[in-house]
Amino acid sequence: MLNITSTSEFLLLEFSDIRELQLLHFFVFLAVYLVAVTGNLLIIMAVVLDHHLHVPMYFFLMNLAILDLGSISVTLPKAMANFLMNSRSISYSGCVAQVFCLVLFGGADFAILTVMAHDRHIAICHPLQYEAIMHKGACVRMAASAWIASMLNATLHTGGTFAITFCSNIINQFFCELPQIVELSCSDLYLIEFGILLFSYGLFGGCFVYIIMTYMKIFATVLRMPSVQGRKKALSTCLPHLTVVSLLLFTGMFAYVRPPDNTSSEMNVICAVMYAILPPLLNPFIYSMRNKEIKTTLLKLTDFTRTSSSKICLVKLG
């Protein structure tokens, strides 16, 4: 029985031992990473630079983009480095950092989505009180509470996980995934992490119930609106948020609500891609495709960049 807490590294899942396939995986992950990073950075820049977007909805959207940028940056760069270097190792401290950051960003992501549901509820059901309730100070406090609570949750999970004695250092995943690490336990201390997981599931369940109840009130209010145009406008502000929540929930359920035993490595990888990569990749497109303000700001940024580039070229030629 090997006590891995005394060693310096874990071994991650290797997609293939064929060099050509490793390089192919590197370029596929690189393309996905660049698209996700570019999309989320554009959302952040649009909200920061356009004063018309300095409202609660876009403030929370910027927080969501920061979280998505962080979560995908935790997993893919290390995987790409391993593909490129024909390696499968990750240091013990690197694995601890991955677990902490993944739980932090994942928990804060869902907390911010819950706050965004509250924002839509106040905007649609209590529009006359919106500015009084969702003022700048309240928005900052809600976002800070989401980050702090998620940080405490991540600290509990990380401490509980790495207090365990491990019997193997081979993780059946391409990053340090919490359930896969707990499966390596050979002591009863894994019950501590199991208890923390149940506590977290209770928190997530409470947020989910709150989102459901909030949207029941929103839909009831929308149905009572006399104007068809008003109903469409109200629903259009909710549709991106509902899509992102559904994407996060369904991919998370696909990954975790399944039999843990007799699961192939290929299925583990598919599940990990579903919940760890797809949401950060697709969220910027979901929020920008049906949002006129975001699209207008991004077009302005593009035009400004082109104009600046042209002026620089003319100056150099001159």
C-alpha atoms as a PDB file:
ATOM      1  CA  MET A   1       0.000   0.000   0.000  1.00  0.00           C
ATOM      2  CA  LEU A   2       1.584   3.239  -1.162  1.00  0.00           C
ATOM      3  CA  ASN A   3       1.236   6.443   0.811  1.00  0.00           C
ATOM      4  CA  ILE A   4       1.212   9.062  -1.960  1.00  0.00           C
ATOM      5  CA  THR A   5       1.154  11.961   0.498  1.00  0.00           C
ATOM      6  CA  SER A   6       4.899  11.391   0.845  1.00  0.00           C
ATOM      7  CA  THR A   7       5.598  11.589  -2.912  1.00  0.00           C
ATOM      8  CA  SER A   8       5.859  14.571  -5.198  1.00  0.00           C
ATOM      9  CA  GLU A   9       3.540  13.860  -8.153  1.00  0.00           C
ATOM     10  CA  PHE A  10       0.421  12.223  -9.571  1.00  0.00           C
ATOM     11  CA  LEU A  11       0.060  10.591 -12.978  1.00  0.00           C
ATOM     12  CA  LEU A  12      -2.837  11.816 -15.118  1.00  0.00           C
ATOM     13  CA  LEU A  13      -4.747   9.929 -17.796  1.00  0.00           C
ATOM     14  CA  GLU A  14      -2.845   9.549 -21.068  1.00  0.00           C
ATOM     15  CA  PHE A  15      -5.017   9.905 -24.165  1.00  0.00           C
ATOM     16  CA  SER A  16      -2.586   8.049 -26.406  1.00  0.00           C
ATOM     17  CA  ASP A  17       1.032   6.888 -26.491  1.00  0.00           C
ATOM     18  CA  ILE A  18       1.276   7.625 -30.233  1.00  0.00           C
ATOM     19  CA  ARG A  19       3.238  10.847 -30.747  1.00  0.00           C
ATOM     20  CA  GLU A  20       1.184  12.042 -33.734  1.00  0.00           C
ATOM     21  CA  LEU A  21      -2.063  11.679 -31.783  1.00  0.00           C
ATOM     22  CA  GLN A  22      -0.566  13.508 -28.809  1.00  0.00           C
ATOM     23  CA  LEU A  23       0.264  16.448 -31.066  1.00  0.00           C
ATOM     24  CA  LEU A  24      -3.224  16.309 -32.597  1.00  0.00           C
ATOM     25  CA  HIS A  25      -4.761  16.456 -29.111  1.00  0.00           C
ATOM     26  CA  PHE A  26      -2.496  19.407 -28.299  1.00  0.00           C
ATOM     27  CA  PHE A  27      -3.669  21.419 -31.311  1.00  0.00           C
ATOM     28  CA  VAL A  28      -7.355  20.557 -30.705  1.00  0.00           C
ATOM     29  CA  PHE A  29      -7.124  21.659 -27.055  1.00  0.00           C
ATOM     30  CA  LEU A  30      -5.142  24.749 -28.088  1.00  0.00           C
ATOM     31  CA  ALA A  31      -7.845  25.795 -30.571  1.00  0.00           C
ATOM     32  CA  VAL A  32     -10.596  25.255 -27.989  1.00  0.00           C
ATOM     33  CA  TYR A  33      -8.638  27.168 -25.340  1.00  0.00           C
ATOM     34  CA  LEU A  34      -7.916  30.139 -27.618  1.00  0.00           C
ATOM     35  CA  VAL A  35     -11.570  30.404 -28.666  1.00  0.00           C
ATOM     36  CA  ALA A  36     -12.770  30.232 -25.032  1.00  0.00           C
ATOM     37  CA  VAL A  37     -10.196  32.757 -23.806  1.00  0.00           C
ATOM     38  CA  THR A  38     -10.894  35.164 -26.681  1.00  0.00           C
ATOM     39  CA  GLY A  39     -14.665  34.971 -26.195  1.00  0.00           C
ATOM     40  CA  ASN A  40     -14.543  35.582 -22.453  1.00  0.00           C
ATOM     41  CA  LEU A  41     -11.942  38.344 -22.748  1.00  0.00           C
ATOM     42  CA  LEU A  42     -14.126  40.126 -25.307  1.00  0.00           C
ATOM     43  CA  ILE A  43     -17.087  39.994 -22.915  1.00  0.00           C
ATOM     44  CA  ILE A  44     -14.932  41.416 -20.096  1.00  0.00           C
ATOM     45  CA  MET A  45     -13.512  44.184 -22.323  1.00  0.00           C
ATOM     46  CA  ALA A  46     -16.952  45.101 -23.624  1.00  0.00           C
ATOM     47  CA  VAL A  47     -18.387  45.511 -20.127  1.00  0.00           C
ATOM     48  CA  VAL A  48     -15.362  47.403 -18.804  1.00  0.00           C
ATOM     49  CA  LEU A  49     -14.963  49.819 -21.729  1.00  0.00           C
ATOM     50  CA  ASP A  50     -18.599  50.639 -22.561  1.00  0.00           C
ATOM     51  CA  HIS A  51     -20.234  52.789 -19.866  1.00  0.00           C
ATOM     52  CA  HIS A  52     -23.677  51.830 -21.226  1.00  0.00           C
ATOM     53  CA  LEU A  53     -23.008  48.316 -19.919  1.00  0.00           C
ATOM     54  CA  HIS A  54     -22.210  49.486 -16.382  1.00  0.00           C
ATOM     55  CA  VAL A  55     -25.456  48.020 -15.049  1.00  0.00           C
ATOM     56  CA  PRO A  56     -26.025  45.067 -12.691  1.00  0.00           C
ATOM     57  CA  MET A  57     -26.821  42.484 -15.401  1.00  0.00           C
ATOM     58  CA  TYR A  58     -23.548  43.090 -17.248  1.00  0.00           C
ATOM     59  CA  PHE A  59     -21.553  43.440 -14.028  1.00  0.00           C
ATOM     60  CA  PHE A  60     -22.567  39.899 -13.097  1.00  0.00           C
ATOM     61  CA  LEU A  61     -21.956  38.758 -16.674  1.00  0.00           C
ATOM     62  CA  MET A  62     -18.399  40.093 -16.411  1.00  0.00           C
ATOM     63  CA  ASN A  63     -17.934  38.089 -13.195  1.00  0.00           C
ATOM     64  CA  LEU A  64     -19.217  35.006 -14.996  1.00  0.00           C
ATOM     65  CA  ALA A  65     -16.752  35.552 -17.849  1.00  0.00           C
ATOM     66  CA  ILE A  66     -13.866  35.921 -15.363  1.00  0.00           C
ATOM     67  CA  LEU A  67     -14.882  32.641 -13.697  1.00  0.00           C
ATOM     68  CA  ASP A  68     -15.163  30.834 -17.043  1.00  0.00           C
ATOM     69  CA  LEU A  69     -11.765  32.180 -18.053  1.00  0.00           C
ATOM     70  CA  GLY A  70     -10.283  30.934 -14.787  1.00  0.00           C
ATOM     71  CA  SER A  71     -11.896  27.489 -14.860  1.00  0.00           C
ATOM     72  CA  ILE A  72     -10.763  26.607 -18.385  1.00  0.00           C
ATOM     73  CA  SER A  73      -7.270  27.969 -17.643  1.00  0.00           C
ATOM     74  CA  VAL A  74      -6.939  25.534 -14.728  1.00  0.00           C
ATOM     75  CA  THR A  75      -7.296  22.367 -16.816  1.00  0.00           C
ATOM     76  CA  LEU A  76      -6.337  22.867 -20.457  1.00  0.00           C
ATOM     77  CA  PRO A  77      -2.852  24.491 -20.245  1.00  0.00           C
ATOM     78  CA  LYS A  78      -1.483  21.639 -18.101  1.00  0.00           C
ATOM     79  CA  ALA A  79      -3.080  19.034 -20.377  1.00  0.00           C
ATOM     80  CA  MET A  80      -1.602  20.759 -23.438  1.00  0.00           C
ATOM     81  CA  ALA A  81       1.842  20.896 -21.803  1.00  0.00           C
ATOM     82  CA  ASN A  82       1.680  17.157 -21.104  1.00  0.00           C
ATOM     83  CA  PHE A  83       0.651  16.415 -24.709  1.00  0.00           C
ATOM     84  CA  LEU A  84       3.489  18.524 -26.033  1.00  0.00           C
ATOM     85  CA  MET A  85       6.134  17.125 -23.679  1.00  0.00           C
ATOM     86  CA  ASN A  86       4.943  13.496 -23.945  1.00  0.00           C
ATOM     87  CA  SER A  87       4.284  13.455 -20.209  1.00  0.00           C
ATOM     88  CA  ARG A  88       1.416  12.590 -17.882  1.00  0.00           C
ATOM     89  CA  SER A  89       2.681  13.893 -14.542  1.00  0.00           C
ATOM     90  CA  ILE A  90       1.460  16.725 -12.346  1.00  0.00           C
ATOM     91  CA  SER A  91       3.153  17.789  -9.126  1.00  0.00           C
ATOM     92  CA  TYR A  92       1.443  17.207  -5.794  1.00  0.00           C
ATOM     93  CA  SER A  93       1.154  20.968  -5.207  1.00  0.00           C
ATOM     94  CA  GLY A  94      -0.100  21.431  -8.789  1.00  0.00           C
ATOM     95  CA  CYS A  95      -2.844  18.887  -8.176  1.00  0.00           C
ATOM     96  CA  VAL A  96      -3.830  20.630  -4.936  1.00  0.00           C
ATOM     97  CA  ALA A  97      -4.005  23.942  -6.814  1.00  0.00           C
ATOM     98  CA  GLN A  98      -6.155  22.421  -9.583  1.00  0.00           C
ATOM     99  CA  VAL A  99      -8.661  20.980  -7.105  1.00  0.00           C
ATOM    100  CA  PHE A 100      -8.877  24.258  -5.177  1.00  0.00           C
ATOM    101  CA  CYS A 101      -9.314  26.413  -8.289  1.00  0.00           C
ATOM    102  CA  LEU A 102     -11.824  24.089  -9.961  1.00  0.00           C
ATOM    103  CA  VAL A 103     -14.052  23.970  -6.876  1.00  0.00           C
ATOM    104  CA  LEU A 104     -13.648  27.728  -6.393  1.00  0.00           C
ATOM    105  CA  PHE A 105     -14.541  28.685  -9.962  1.00  0.00           C
ATOM    106  CA  GLY A 106     -17.282  26.059 -10.279  1.00  0.00           C
ATOM    107  CA  GLY A 107     -18.978  27.058  -7.035  1.00  0.00           C
ATOM    108  CA  ALA A 108     -18.696  30.786  -7.719  1.00  0.00           C
ATOM    109  CA  ASP A 109     -20.030  30.214 -11.244  1.00  0.00           C
ATOM    110  CA  PHE A 110     -23.249  28.702  -9.949  1.00  0.00           C
ATOM    111  CA  ALA A 111     -23.513  31.312  -7.168  1.00  0.00           C
ATOM    112  CA  ILE A 112     -23.218  34.149  -9.700  1.00  0.00           C
ATOM    113  CA  LEU A 113     -25.857  32.493 -11.893  1.00  0.00           C
ATOM    114  CA  THR A 114     -28.144  32.402  -8.850  1.00  0.00           C
ATOM    115  CA  VAL A 115     -27.532  36.112  -8.235  1.00  0.00           C
ATOM    116  CA  MET A 116     -28.254  36.808 -11.923  1.00  0.00           C
ATOM    117  CA  ALA A 117     -31.601  35.039 -11.542  1.00  0.00           C
ATOM    118  CA  HIS A 118     -32.354  37.341  -8.597  1.00  0.00           C
ATOM    119  CA  ASP A 119     -31.400  40.337 -10.752  1.00  0.00           C
ATOM    120  CA  ARG A 120     -33.801  39.290 -13.532  1.00  0.00           C
ATOM    121  CA  HIS A 121     -36.540  38.686 -10.961  1.00  0.00           C
ATOM    122  CA  ILE A 122     -36.246  42.203  -9.526  1.00  0.00           C
ATOM    123  CA  ALA A 123     -35.990  43.779 -13.010  1.00  0.00           C
ATOM    124  CA  ILE A 124     -39.137  42.063 -14.319  1.00  0.00           C
ATOM    125  CA  CYS A 125     -41.320  41.602 -11.240  1.00  0.00           C
ATOM    126  CA  HIS A 126     -40.415  44.819  -9.364  1.00  0.00           C
ATOM    127  CA  PRO A 127     -39.154  47.265 -12.032  1.00  0.00           C
ATOM    128  CA  LEU A 128     -40.024  50.400 -10.023  1.00  0.00           C
ATOM    129  CA  GLN A 129     -37.853  49.225  -7.113  1.00  0.00           C
ATOM    130  CA  TYR A 130     -34.996  47.921  -9.295  1.00  0.00           C
ATOM    131  CA  GLU A 131     -32.573  50.827  -8.848  1.00  0.00           C
ATOM    132  CA  ALA A 132     -33.224  50.980  -5.102  1.00  0.00           C
ATOM    133  CA  ILE A 133     -32.622  47.227  -4.624  1.00  0.00           C
ATOM    134  CA  MET A 134     -29.919  46.500  -7.220  1.00  0.00           C
ATOM    135  CA  HIS A 135     -27.718  49.515  -6.564  1.00  0.00           C
ATOM    136  CA  LYS A 136     -23.945  49.390  -7.011  1.00  0.00           C
ATOM    137  CA  GLY A 137     -23.171  48.580  -3.373  1.00  0.00           C
ATOM    138  CA  ALA A 138     -25.663  45.703  -3.289  1.00  0.00           C
ATOM    139  CA  CYS A 139     -24.276  44.225  -6.517  1.00  0.00           C
ATOM    140  CA  VAL A 140     -20.690  44.373  -5.240  1.00  0.00           C
ATOM    141  CA  ARG A 141     -21.716  42.733  -1.958  1.00  0.00           C
ATOM    142  CA  MET A 142     -23.577  39.926  -3.743  1.00  0.00           C
ATOM    143  CA  ALA A 143     -20.662  39.232  -6.079  1.00  0.00           C
ATOM    144  CA  ALA A 144     -18.168  39.370  -3.188  1.00  0.00           C
ATOM    145  CA  SER A 145     -20.349  36.998  -1.144  1.00  0.00           C
ATOM    146  CA  ALA A 146     -20.386  34.512  -4.034  1.00  0.00           C
ATOM    147  CA  TRP A 147     -16.587  34.634  -4.332  1.00  0.00           C
ATOM    148  CA  ILE A 148     -15.948  34.398  -0.569  1.00  0.00           C
ATOM    149  CA  ALA A 149     -18.419  31.549  -0.003  1.00  0.00           C
ATOM    150  CA  SER A 150     -16.924  29.637  -2.922  1.00  0.00           C
ATOM    151  CA  MET A 151     -13.411  30.213  -1.593  1.00  0.00           C
ATOM    152  CA  LEU A 152     -14.380  28.791   1.805  1.00  0.00           C
ATOM    153  CA  ASN A 153     -16.068  25.832   0.095  1.00  0.00           C
ATOM    154  CA  ALA A 154     -12.958  25.217  -2.027  1.00  0.00           C
ATOM    155  CA  THR A 155     -10.738  25.375   1.062  1.00  0.00           C
ATOM    156  CA  LEU A 156     -12.888  22.768   2.835  1.00  0.00           C
ATOM    157  CA  HIS A 157     -12.864  20.450  -0.178  1.00  0.00           C
ATOM    158  CA  THR A 158      -9.138  20.769  -0.787  1.00  0.00           C
ATOM    159  CA  GLY A 159      -8.248  20.259   2.872  1.00  0.00           C
ATOM    160  CA  GLY A 160     -10.609  17.289   3.190  1.00  0.00           C
ATOM    161  CA  THR A 161      -9.361  15.661   0.001  1.00  0.00           C
ATOM    162  CA  PHE A 162      -5.639  15.898   0.631  1.00  0.00           C
ATOM    163  CA  ALA A 163      -5.915  14.834   4.266  1.00  0.00           C
ATOM    164  CA  ILE A 164      -6.573  11.373   2.808  1.00  0.00           C
ATOM    165  CA  THR A 165      -3.941   8.640   2.550  1.00  0.00           C
ATOM    166  CA  PHE A 166      -3.775   7.498  -1.087  1.00  0.00           C
ATOM    167  CA  CYS A 167      -3.016   3.983  -2.280  1.00  0.00           C
ATOM    168  CA  SER A 168      -2.186   5.006  -5.833  1.00  0.00           C
ATOM    169  CA  ASN A 169      -0.980   8.082  -7.660  1.00  0.00           C
ATOM    170  CA  ILE A 170      -2.697   7.248 -10.977  1.00  0.00           C
ATOM    171  CA  ILE A 171      -5.687   9.551 -11.635  1.00  0.00           C
ATOM    172  CA  ASN A 172      -8.158   8.293 -14.238  1.00  0.00           C
ATOM    173  CA  GLN A 173      -8.671  11.760 -15.733  1.00  0.00           C
ATOM    174  CA  PHE A 174      -6.639  14.345 -17.691  1.00  0.00           C
ATOM    175  CA  PHE A 175      -6.781  16.763 -14.745  1.00  0.00           C
ATOM    176  CA  CYS A 176      -7.088  16.433 -10.967  1.00  0.00           C
ATOM    177  CA  GLU A 177     -10.804  15.732 -10.744  1.00  0.00           C
ATOM    178  CA  LEU A 178     -12.163  15.542  -7.211  1.00  0.00           C
ATOM    179  CA  PRO A 179     -14.156  12.260  -7.456  1.00  0.00           C
ATOM    180  CA  GLN A 180     -11.247  10.489  -9.181  1.00  0.00           C
ATOM    181  CA  ILE A 181      -8.857  11.553  -6.408  1.00  0.00           C
ATOM    182  CA  VAL A 182     -11.220  10.403  -3.647  1.00  0.00           C
ATOM    183  CA  GLU A 183     -11.367   6.969  -5.334  1.00  0.00           C
ATOM    184  CA  LEU A 184      -7.627   6.588  -4.649  1.00  0.00           C
ATOM    185  CA  SER A 185      -8.217   6.646  -0.884  1.00  0.00           C
ATOM    186  CA  CYS A 186      -7.186   3.696   1.255  1.00  0.00           C
ATOM    187  CA  SER A 187      -8.297   5.146   4.602  1.00  0.00           C
ATOM    188  CA  ASP A 188     -11.587   5.996   6.274  1.00  0.00           C
ATOM    189  CA  LEU A 189     -10.766   9.703   6.080  1.00  0.00           C
ATOM    190  CA  TYR A 190     -12.504   9.795   2.688  1.00  0.00           C
ATOM    191  CA  LEU A 191     -15.739   9.950   4.709  1.00  0.00           C
ATOM    192  CA  ILE A 192     -14.755  13.519   5.669  1.00  0.00           C
ATOM    193  CA  GLU A 193     -14.668  14.542   2.006  1.00  0.00           C
ATOM    194  CA  PHE A 194     -17.891  12.611   1.397  1.00  0.00           C
ATOM    195  CA  GLY A 195     -19.573  14.654   4.132  1.00  0.00           C
ATOM    196  CA  ILE A 196     -18.259  17.899   2.618  1.00  0.00           C
ATOM    197  CA  LEU A 197     -19.586  16.785  -0.785  1.00  0.00           C
ATOM    198  CA  LEU A 198     -23.046  16.205   0.698  1.00  0.00           C
ATOM    199  CA  PHE A 199     -22.917  19.679   2.266  1.00  0.00           C
ATOM    200  CA  SER A 200     -21.955  21.205  -1.107  1.00  0.00           C
ATOM    201  CA  TYR A 201     -24.706  19.298  -2.902  1.00  0.00           C
ATOM    202  CA  GLY A 202     -27.141  20.750  -0.364  1.00  0.00           C
ATOM    203  CA  LEU A 203     -25.934  24.281  -1.149  1.00  0.00           C
ATOM    204  CA  PHE A 204     -26.150  23.709  -4.895  1.00  0.00           C
ATOM    205  CA  GLY A 205     -29.593  22.150  -4.441  1.00  0.00           C
ATOM    206  CA  GLY A 206     -30.735  25.239  -2.535  1.00  0.00           C
ATOM    207  CA  CYS A 207     -29.451  27.525  -5.310  1.00  0.00           C
ATOM    208  CA  PHE A 208     -31.176  25.371  -7.919  1.00  0.00           C
ATOM    209  CA  VAL A 209     -34.507  25.495  -6.058  1.00  0.00           C
ATOM    210  CA  TYR A 210     -34.147  29.284  -5.711  1.00  0.00           C
ATOM    211  CA  ILE A 211     -33.546  29.652  -9.475  1.00  0.00           C
ATOM    212  CA  ILE A 212     -36.593  27.481 -10.264  1.00  0.00           C
ATOM    213  CA  MET A 213     -38.852  29.426  -7.874  1.00  0.00           C
ATOM    214  CA  THR A 214     -37.522  32.734  -9.211  1.00  0.00           C
ATOM    215  CA  TYR A 215     -38.327  31.828 -12.801  1.00  0.00           C
ATOM    216  CA  MET A 216     -41.791  30.610 -11.839  1.00  0.00           C
ATOM    217  CA  LYS A 217     -42.453  34.131 -10.494  1.00  0.00           C
ATOM    218  CA  ILE A 218     -40.870  35.702 -13.593  1.00  0.00           C
ATOM    219  CA  PHE A 219     -42.995  33.656 -16.007  1.00  0.00           C
ATOM    220  CA  ALA A 220     -46.133  34.410 -13.990  1.00  0.00           C
ATOM    221  CA  THR A 221     -45.380  38.136 -14.219  1.00  0.00           C
ATOM    222  CA  VAL A 222     -44.560  37.947 -17.938  1.00  0.00           C
ATOM    223  CA  LEU A 223     -47.831  36.156 -18.723  1.00  0.00           C
ATOM    224  CA  ARG A 224     -49.747  38.978 -17.044  1.00  0.00           C
ATOM    225  CA  MET A 225     -48.101  41.640 -19.227  1.00  0.00           C
ATOM    226  CA  PRO A 226     -50.635  43.165 -21.663  1.00  0.00           C
ATOM    227  CA  SER A 227     -48.047  43.966 -24.340  1.00  0.00           C
ATOM    228  CA  VAL A 228     -46.690  41.213 -26.576  1.00  0.00           C
ATOM    229  CA  GLN A 229     -43.596  43.337 -27.227  1.00  0.00           C
ATOM    230  CA  GLY A 230     -43.074  43.703 -23.483  1.00  0.00           C
ATOM    231  CA  ARG A 231     -43.308  39.944 -22.972  1.00  0.00           C
ATOM    232  CA  LYS A 232     -40.782  39.302 -25.734  1.00  0.00           C
ATOM    233  CA  LYS A 233     -38.361  41.884 -24.347  1.00  0.00           C
ATOM    234  CA  ALA A 234     -38.595  40.452 -20.825  1.00  0.00           C
ATOM    235  CA  LEU A 235     -38.070  36.883 -22.001  1.00  0.00           C
ATOM    236  CA  SER A 236     -35.171  37.889 -24.261  1.00  0.00           C
ATOM    237  CA  THR A 237     -33.205  39.099 -21.225  1.00  0.00           C
ATOM    238  CA  CYS A 238     -33.850  35.781 -19.453  1.00  0.00           C
ATOM    239  CA  LEU A 239     -33.166  33.378 -22.327  1.00  0.00           C
ATOM    240  CA  PRO A 240     -29.323  33.578 -22.283  1.00  0.00           C
ATOM    241  CA  HIS A 241     -29.269  33.117 -18.515  1.00  0.00           C
ATOM    242  CA  LEU A 242     -31.618  30.132 -18.672  1.00  0.00           C
ATOM    243  CA  THR A 243     -29.521  28.588 -21.449  1.00  0.00           C
ATOM    244  CA  VAL A 244     -26.280  28.965 -19.462  1.00  0.00           C
ATOM    245  CA  VAL A 245     -27.879  27.548 -16.288  1.00  0.00           C
ATOM    246  CA  SER A 246     -29.289  24.599 -18.247  1.00  0.00           C
ATOM    247  CA  LEU A 247     -25.923  23.949 -19.920  1.00  0.00           C
ATOM    248  CA  LEU A 248     -24.096  23.953 -16.577  1.00  0.00           C
ATOM    249  CA  LEU A 249     -26.701  21.762 -14.860  1.00  0.00           C
ATOM    250  CA  PHE A 250     -27.061  19.181 -17.619  1.00  0.00           C
ATOM    251  CA  THR A 251     -23.317  18.819 -18.180  1.00  0.00           C
ATOM    252  CA  GLY A 252     -22.738  18.556 -14.424  1.00  0.00           C
ATOM    253  CA  MET A 253     -25.485  15.951 -14.057  1.00  0.00           C
ATOM    254  CA  PHE A 254     -24.082  14.025 -17.003  1.00  0.00           C
ATOM    255  CA  ALA A 255     -20.723  13.942 -15.254  1.00  0.00           C
ATOM    256  CA  TYR A 256     -21.778  13.159 -11.676  1.00  0.00           C
ATOM    257  CA  VAL A 257     -25.250  11.590 -11.714  1.00  0.00           C
ATOM    258  CA  ARG A 258     -24.145   8.242 -13.118  1.00  0.00           C
ATOM    259  CA  PRO A 259     -22.920   4.911 -11.726  1.00  0.00           C
ATOM    260  CA  PRO A 260     -19.331   5.416 -10.477  1.00  0.00           C
ATOM    261  CA  ASP A 261     -18.292   1.809 -10.996  1.00  0.00           C
ATOM    262  CA  ASN A 262     -17.261   0.153 -14.245  1.00  0.00           C
ATOM    263  CA  THR A 263     -16.936   3.495 -16.050  1.00  0.00           C
ATOM    264  CA  SER A 264     -14.459   3.518 -18.915  1.00  0.00           C
ATOM    265  CA  SER A 265     -11.694   6.083 -19.239  1.00  0.00           C
ATOM    266  CA  GLU A 266     -13.253   7.291 -22.499  1.00  0.00           C
ATOM    267  CA  MET A 267     -16.553   8.005 -20.742  1.00  0.00           C
ATOM    268  CA  ASN A 268     -14.736   9.829 -17.932  1.00  0.00           C
ATOM    269  CA  VAL A 269     -13.014  12.061 -20.474  1.00  0.00           C
ATOM    270  CA  ILE A 270     -16.278  12.761 -22.334  1.00  0.00           C
ATOM    271  CA  CYS A 271     -17.984  13.707 -19.058  1.00  0.00           C
ATOM    272  CA  ALA A 272     -15.077  15.960 -18.052  1.00  0.00           C
ATOM    273  CA  VAL A 273     -15.140  17.744 -21.419  1.00  0.00           C
ATOM    274  CA  MET A 274     -18.914  18.164 -21.083  1.00  0.00           C
ATOM    275  CA  TYR A 275     -18.831  20.043 -17.774  1.00  0.00           C
ATOM    276  CA  ALA A 276     -15.299  21.505 -17.580  1.00  0.00           C
ATOM    277  CA  ILE A 277     -14.801  22.765 -21.150  1.00  0.00           C
ATOM    278  CA  LEU A 278     -18.153  23.248 -22.892  1.00  0.00           C
ATOM    279  CA  PRO A 279     -19.672  25.889 -20.533  1.00  0.00           C
ATOM    280  CA  PRO A 280     -16.632  28.250 -20.589  1.00  0.00           C
ATOM    281  CA  LEU A 281     -16.409  27.745 -24.361  1.00  0.00           C
ATOM    282  CA  LEU A 282     -20.076  28.330 -25.200  1.00  0.00           C
ATOM    283  CA  ASN A 283     -21.146  30.918 -22.586  1.00  0.00           C
ATOM    284  CA  PRO A 284     -19.692  33.950 -24.441  1.00  0.00           C
ATOM    285  CA  PHE A 285     -21.510  32.925 -27.639  1.00  0.00           C
ATOM    286  CA  ILE A 286     -24.774  32.317 -25.777  1.00  0.00           C
ATOM    287  CA  TYR A 287     -24.697  35.778 -24.184  1.00  0.00           C
ATOM    288  CA  SER A 288     -23.491  37.671 -27.257  1.00  0.00           C
ATOM    289  CA  MET A 289     -25.609  36.073 -30.014  1.00  0.00           C
ATOM    290  CA  ARG A 290     -28.984  37.385 -28.758  1.00  0.00           C
ATOM    291  CA  ASN A 291     -27.737  40.493 -26.960  1.00  0.00           C
ATOM    292  CA  LYS A 292     -27.796  43.657 -29.070  1.00  0.00           C
ATOM    293  CA  GLU A 293     -25.831  45.730 -26.524  1.00  0.00           C
ATOM    294  CA  ILE A 294     -22.966  43.232 -26.377  1.00  0.00           C
ATOM    295  CA  LYS A 295     -22.875  42.842 -30.173  1.00  0.00           C
ATOM    296  CA  THR A 296     -22.901  46.626 -30.696  1.00  0.00           C
ATOM    297  CA  THR A 297     -20.037  47.117 -28.233  1.00  0.00           C
ATOM    298  CA  LEU A 298     -17.992  44.306 -29.774  1.00  0.00           C
ATOM    299  CA  LEU A 299     -18.487  45.825 -33.242  1.00  0.00           C
ATOM    300  CA  LYS A 300     -17.320  49.198 -31.919  1.00  0.00           C
ATOM    301  CA  LEU A 301     -14.230  47.547 -30.403  1.00  0.00           C
ATOM    302  CA  THR A 302     -13.520  45.780 -33.694  1.00  0.00           C
ATOM    303  CA  ASP A 303     -13.867  49.019 -35.687  1.00  0.00           C
ATOM    304  CA  PHE A 304     -11.664  50.873 -33.206  1.00  0.00           C
ATOM    305  CA  THR A 305      -8.991  48.160 -33.438  1.00  0.00           C
ATOM    306  CA  ARG A 306      -9.054  48.239 -37.233  1.00  0.00           C
ATOM    307  CA  THR A 307      -8.856  52.038 -37.305  1.00  0.00           C
ATOM    308  CA  SER A 308      -5.970  52.076 -34.834  1.00  0.00           C
ATOM    309  CA  SER A 309      -4.122  49.396 -36.818  1.00  0.00           C
ATOM    310  CA  SER A 310      -4.610  51.363 -40.045  1.00  0.00           C
ATOM    311  CA  LYS A 311      -3.305  54.573 -38.449  1.00  0.00           C
ATOM    312  CA  ILE A 312      -0.247  52.753 -37.097  1.00  0.00           C
ATOM    313  CA  CYS A 313       0.471  51.300 -40.560  1.00  0.00           C
ATOM    314  CA  LEU A 314       0.100  54.724 -42.204  1.00  0.00           C
ATOM    315  CA  VAL A 315       2.442  56.302 -39.644  1.00  0.00           C
ATOM    316  CA  LYS A 316       5.049  53.596 -40.266  1.00  0.00           C
ATOM    317  CA  LEU A 317       4.722  53.968 -44.051  1.00  0.00           C
ATOM    318  CA  GLY A 318       4.990  57.718 -43.722  1.00  0.00           C
END
